[in-house]
Amino acid sequence: MATGLDAKDRQIIRALQRDGRVTNSDLAEAVNLSPSPCLRRLRILEESGVIRGYSANIDQKKYGLSLLAFISVRLDSHTRENVDRFERRVKRIDEILGCYLLTGGQDYLLQVVVRDLDGYDDFIRNQLHAIGGIASIDSSICYNTVKETAVFPEF
């Protein structure tokens, strides 16, 4: 789908990534279109699945989830059953915001948010270990965020 996007579509997407609540009138002005063609392009982007939805960007600490961890996981085997079980279970765990399949020495990278260190301990012991089929877990606790954006680069 991405190959069918033109420069104007990408401008619309970047403007929406900056402010998903922008009015169509302001969006049209920002991308130098009149409102009707802008809205038409927006609807096509939504209907084609390029725009998957809209959400609010929430401060995790103010929400009460002060600990962010990145956890590398290596499975003990790569059978279809083991991989499917791991991925199914991960999708059901709310503390896991992102799960990425990797190349290299680790199989997955998890982005996890919890209340605090006690919440992290509980997550590891009662959520992650409970999945089974895991050979190793390597965690990194994030103590500061230098950059975080949802806006794609221009190209």
C-alpha atoms as a PDB file:
ATOM      1  CA  MET A   1       0.000   0.000   0.000  1.00  0.00           C
ATOM      2  CA  ALA A   2       2.750   2.480   0.909  1.00  0.00           C
ATOM      3  CA  THR A   3       4.025   2.549  -2.687  1.00  0.00           C
ATOM      4  CA  GLY A   4       0.771   4.230  -3.802  1.00  0.00           C
ATOM      5  CA  LEU A   5       1.312   7.214  -1.520  1.00  0.00           C
ATOM      6  CA  ASP A   6       2.314  10.507  -3.064  1.00  0.00           C
ATOM      7  CA  ALA A   7       3.987  13.498  -1.412  1.00  0.00           C
ATOM      8  CA  LYS A   8       0.634  15.103  -0.515  1.00  0.00           C
ATOM      9  CA  ASP A   9      -0.566  11.886   1.179  1.00  0.00           C
ATOM     10  CA  ARG A  10       2.647  11.831   3.214  1.00  0.00           C
ATOM     11  CA  GLN A  11       2.135  15.489   4.205  1.00  0.00           C
ATOM     12  CA  ILE A  12      -1.357  14.638   5.424  1.00  0.00           C
ATOM     13  CA  ILE A  13      -0.059  11.655   7.394  1.00  0.00           C
ATOM     14  CA  ARG A  14       2.739  13.647   9.045  1.00  0.00           C
ATOM     15  CA  ALA A  15       0.319  16.454   9.974  1.00  0.00           C
ATOM     16  CA  LEU A  16      -2.042  13.913  11.545  1.00  0.00           C
ATOM     17  CA  GLN A  17       0.845  12.242  13.398  1.00  0.00           C
ATOM     18  CA  ARG A  18       1.660  15.625  14.927  1.00  0.00           C
ATOM     19  CA  ASP A  19      -1.975  16.348  15.830  1.00  0.00           C
ATOM     20  CA  GLY A  20      -4.621  13.669  15.313  1.00  0.00           C
ATOM     21  CA  ARG A  21      -7.366  16.061  16.414  1.00  0.00           C
ATOM     22  CA  VAL A  22      -6.672  18.691  13.769  1.00  0.00           C
ATOM     23  CA  THR A  23      -9.805  19.855  11.951  1.00  0.00           C
ATOM     24  CA  ASN A  24     -10.115  19.096   8.263  1.00  0.00           C
ATOM     25  CA  SER A  25      -9.999  22.820   7.557  1.00  0.00           C
ATOM     26  CA  ASP A  26      -6.713  23.258   9.441  1.00  0.00           C
ATOM     27  CA  LEU A  27      -5.316  20.046   7.924  1.00  0.00           C
ATOM     28  CA  ALA A  28      -6.175  21.245   4.433  1.00  0.00           C
ATOM     29  CA  GLU A  29      -4.465  24.566   5.123  1.00  0.00           C
ATOM     30  CA  ALA A  30      -1.373  22.853   6.549  1.00  0.00           C
ATOM     31  CA  VAL A  31      -0.928  20.705   3.429  1.00  0.00           C
ATOM     32  CA  ASN A  32      -1.995  23.421   0.962  1.00  0.00           C
ATOM     33  CA  LEU A  33      -5.204  21.784  -0.277  1.00  0.00           C
ATOM     34  CA  SER A  34      -8.800  22.906  -0.265  1.00  0.00           C
ATOM     35  CA  PRO A  35     -10.954  21.109   2.335  1.00  0.00           C
ATOM     36  CA  SER A  36     -12.898  18.799  -0.041  1.00  0.00           C
ATOM     37  CA  PRO A  37      -9.882  17.190  -1.757  1.00  0.00           C
ATOM     38  CA  CYS A  38      -8.119  16.961   1.613  1.00  0.00           C
ATOM     39  CA  LEU A  39     -11.067  15.134   3.169  1.00  0.00           C
ATOM     40  CA  ARG A  40     -11.313  12.845   0.127  1.00  0.00           C
ATOM     41  CA  ARG A  41      -7.619  11.914   0.446  1.00  0.00           C
ATOM     42  CA  LEU A  42      -8.024  11.392   4.182  1.00  0.00           C
ATOM     43  CA  ARG A  43     -10.964   9.004   3.669  1.00  0.00           C
ATOM     44  CA  ILE A  44      -8.966   7.017   1.077  1.00  0.00           C
ATOM     45  CA  LEU A  45      -6.035   6.740   3.501  1.00  0.00           C
ATOM     46  CA  GLU A  46      -8.411   5.479   6.206  1.00  0.00           C
ATOM     47  CA  GLU A  47     -10.332   3.059   3.970  1.00  0.00           C
ATOM     48  CA  SER A  48      -7.142   1.570   2.494  1.00  0.00           C
ATOM     49  CA  GLY A  49      -5.727   0.897   5.961  1.00  0.00           C
ATOM     50  CA  VAL A  50      -2.775   3.274   5.669  1.00  0.00           C
ATOM     51  CA  ILE A  51      -4.307   5.149   8.600  1.00  0.00           C
ATOM     52  CA  ARG A  52      -5.196   2.370  11.047  1.00  0.00           C
ATOM     53  CA  GLY A  53      -6.891   4.537  13.656  1.00  0.00           C
ATOM     54  CA  TYR A  54      -6.495   7.449  16.038  1.00  0.00           C
ATOM     55  CA  SER A  55      -5.428   7.543  19.669  1.00  0.00           C
ATOM     56  CA  ALA A  56      -4.333   9.895  22.417  1.00  0.00           C
ATOM     57  CA  ASN A  57      -0.656  10.196  23.360  1.00  0.00           C
ATOM     58  CA  ILE A  58      -0.640   9.747  27.143  1.00  0.00           C
ATOM     59  CA  ASP A  59       2.185  10.510  29.592  1.00  0.00           C
ATOM     60  CA  GLN A  60       2.881   7.063  31.056  1.00  0.00           C
ATOM     61  CA  LYS A  61       4.262   8.409  34.342  1.00  0.00           C
ATOM     62  CA  LYS A  62       1.264  10.660  34.934  1.00  0.00           C
ATOM     63  CA  TYR A  63      -0.918   7.669  34.141  1.00  0.00           C
ATOM     64  CA  GLY A  64       0.848   5.772  36.927  1.00  0.00           C
ATOM     65  CA  LEU A  65       3.195   3.538  34.922  1.00  0.00           C
ATOM     66  CA  SER A  66       6.571   4.952  35.892  1.00  0.00           C
ATOM     67  CA  LEU A  67       8.783   2.055  34.789  1.00  0.00           C
ATOM     68  CA  LEU A  68       9.595   1.367  31.136  1.00  0.00           C
ATOM     69  CA  ALA A  69      11.631  -1.724  30.286  1.00  0.00           C
ATOM     70  CA  PHE A  70      12.937  -3.224  27.080  1.00  0.00           C
ATOM     71  CA  ILE A  71      13.172  -6.976  27.389  1.00  0.00           C
ATOM     72  CA  SER A  72      15.004  -9.237  24.947  1.00  0.00           C
ATOM     73  CA  VAL A  73      13.671 -12.772  24.813  1.00  0.00           C
ATOM     74  CA  ARG A  74      15.239 -15.850  23.248  1.00  0.00           C
ATOM     75  CA  LEU A  75      13.034 -18.916  22.866  1.00  0.00           C
ATOM     76  CA  ASP A  76      14.339 -22.372  23.760  1.00  0.00           C
ATOM     77  CA  SER A  77      13.093 -23.757  20.437  1.00  0.00           C
ATOM     78  CA  HIS A  78      11.630 -22.357  17.256  1.00  0.00           C
ATOM     79  CA  THR A  79       8.954 -24.923  16.624  1.00  0.00           C
ATOM     80  CA  ARG A  80       5.733 -23.550  15.187  1.00  0.00           C
ATOM     81  CA  GLU A  81       3.940 -24.550  18.397  1.00  0.00           C
ATOM     82  CA  ASN A  82       6.419 -22.717  20.665  1.00  0.00           C
ATOM     83  CA  VAL A  83       6.483 -19.571  18.506  1.00  0.00           C
ATOM     84  CA  ASP A  84       2.689 -19.483  18.155  1.00  0.00           C
ATOM     85  CA  ARG A  85       2.187 -19.972  21.913  1.00  0.00           C
ATOM     86  CA  PHE A  86       4.639 -17.190  22.749  1.00  0.00           C
ATOM     87  CA  GLU A  87       3.122 -14.725  20.270  1.00  0.00           C
ATOM     88  CA  ARG A  88      -0.478 -15.530  21.282  1.00  0.00           C
ATOM     89  CA  ARG A  89       0.286 -15.016  24.965  1.00  0.00           C
ATOM     90  CA  VAL A  90       2.245 -11.798  24.386  1.00  0.00           C
ATOM     91  CA  LYS A  91      -0.695 -10.294  22.501  1.00  0.00           C
ATOM     92  CA  ARG A  92      -2.899 -10.788  25.584  1.00  0.00           C
ATOM     93  CA  ILE A  93      -0.580  -9.120  28.124  1.00  0.00           C
ATOM     94  CA  ASP A  94      -1.549  -5.465  28.573  1.00  0.00           C
ATOM     95  CA  GLU A  95       1.829  -4.419  30.040  1.00  0.00           C
ATOM     96  CA  ILE A  96       3.509  -5.256  26.727  1.00  0.00           C
ATOM     97  CA  LEU A  97       3.091  -2.218  24.481  1.00  0.00           C
ATOM     98  CA  GLY A  98       5.200  -3.585  21.644  1.00  0.00           C
ATOM     99  CA  CYS A  99       6.658  -6.933  20.631  1.00  0.00           C
ATOM    100  CA  TYR A 100       9.157  -7.027  17.789  1.00  0.00           C
ATOM    101  CA  LEU A 101      10.579 -10.108  16.042  1.00  0.00           C
ATOM    102  CA  LEU A 102      14.337  -9.644  15.641  1.00  0.00           C
ATOM    103  CA  THR A 103      17.292 -10.909  13.691  1.00  0.00           C
ATOM    104  CA  GLY A 104      20.470 -11.806  15.570  1.00  0.00           C
ATOM    105  CA  GLY A 105      20.989 -13.481  18.929  1.00  0.00           C
ATOM    106  CA  GLN A 106      17.619 -12.593  20.466  1.00  0.00           C
ATOM    107  CA  ASP A 107      14.239 -13.555  19.063  1.00  0.00           C
ATOM    108  CA  TYR A 108      11.972 -10.790  20.391  1.00  0.00           C
ATOM    109  CA  LEU A 109      12.208  -7.332  21.908  1.00  0.00           C
ATOM    110  CA  LEU A 110       9.371  -6.365  24.248  1.00  0.00           C
ATOM    111  CA  GLN A 111       8.476  -2.821  25.284  1.00  0.00           C
ATOM    112  CA  VAL A 112       6.900  -3.102  28.726  1.00  0.00           C
ATOM    113  CA  VAL A 113       5.362  -0.568  31.131  1.00  0.00           C
ATOM    114  CA  VAL A 114       4.592  -1.247  34.798  1.00  0.00           C
ATOM    115  CA  ARG A 115       4.000   0.803  37.964  1.00  0.00           C
ATOM    116  CA  ASP A 116       7.382   0.276  39.629  1.00  0.00           C
ATOM    117  CA  LEU A 117      10.090  -2.304  40.400  1.00  0.00           C
ATOM    118  CA  ASP A 118       7.618  -4.454  42.329  1.00  0.00           C
ATOM    119  CA  GLY A 119       5.331  -4.382  39.295  1.00  0.00           C
ATOM    120  CA  TYR A 120       8.282  -5.325  37.104  1.00  0.00           C
ATOM    121  CA  ASP A 121       9.156  -8.271  39.351  1.00  0.00           C
ATOM    122  CA  ASP A 122       5.532  -9.408  39.262  1.00  0.00           C
ATOM    123  CA  PHE A 123       5.435  -9.048  35.469  1.00  0.00           C
ATOM    124  CA  ILE A 124       8.580 -11.147  34.964  1.00  0.00           C
ATOM    125  CA  ARG A 125       7.621 -13.867  37.455  1.00  0.00           C
ATOM    126  CA  ASN A 126       3.898 -14.157  36.806  1.00  0.00           C
ATOM    127  CA  GLN A 127       3.396 -13.031  33.221  1.00  0.00           C
ATOM    128  CA  LEU A 128       6.546 -13.621  31.183  1.00  0.00           C
ATOM    129  CA  HIS A 129       7.830 -16.810  32.863  1.00  0.00           C
ATOM    130  CA  ALA A 130       4.301 -18.225  32.740  1.00  0.00           C
ATOM    131  CA  ILE A 131       4.431 -18.282  28.934  1.00  0.00           C
ATOM    132  CA  GLY A 132       7.011 -21.084  28.949  1.00  0.00           C
ATOM    133  CA  GLY A 133       9.391 -22.020  26.162  1.00  0.00           C
ATOM    134  CA  ILE A 134      11.761 -19.149  26.981  1.00  0.00           C
ATOM    135  CA  ALA A 135      15.511 -19.832  27.078  1.00  0.00           C
ATOM    136  CA  SER A 136      16.664 -16.363  28.184  1.00  0.00           C
ATOM    137  CA  ILE A 137      15.395 -12.971  29.239  1.00  0.00           C
ATOM    138  CA  ASP A 138      17.618  -9.883  29.183  1.00  0.00           C
ATOM    139  CA  SER A 139      16.111  -6.674  30.553  1.00  0.00           C
ATOM    140  CA  SER A 140      17.079  -3.035  30.291  1.00  0.00           C
ATOM    141  CA  ILE A 141      15.280  -0.514  32.485  1.00  0.00           C
ATOM    142  CA  CYS A 142      14.816   2.903  30.899  1.00  0.00           C
ATOM    143  CA  TYR A 143      15.568   5.726  33.332  1.00  0.00           C
ATOM    144  CA  ASN A 144      15.050   8.637  30.929  1.00  0.00           C
ATOM    145  CA  THR A 145      13.577   9.214  27.491  1.00  0.00           C
ATOM    146  CA  VAL A 146      15.756  11.313  25.193  1.00  0.00           C
ATOM    147  CA  LYS A 147      13.478  11.204  22.150  1.00  0.00           C
ATOM    148  CA  GLU A 148      10.104   9.684  21.458  1.00  0.00           C
ATOM    149  CA  THR A 149       8.015  10.489  18.416  1.00  0.00           C
ATOM    150  CA  ALA A 150       5.269   8.956  16.338  1.00  0.00           C
ATOM    151  CA  VAL A 151       5.974  11.238  13.358  1.00  0.00           C
ATOM    152  CA  PHE A 152       7.614   9.451  10.417  1.00  0.00           C
ATOM    153  CA  PRO A 153      10.565  11.089   8.645  1.00  0.00           C
ATOM    154  CA  GLU A 154      10.019  12.766   5.295  1.00  0.00           C
ATOM    155  CA  PHE A 155      11.294  11.084   2.156  1.00  0.00           C
END
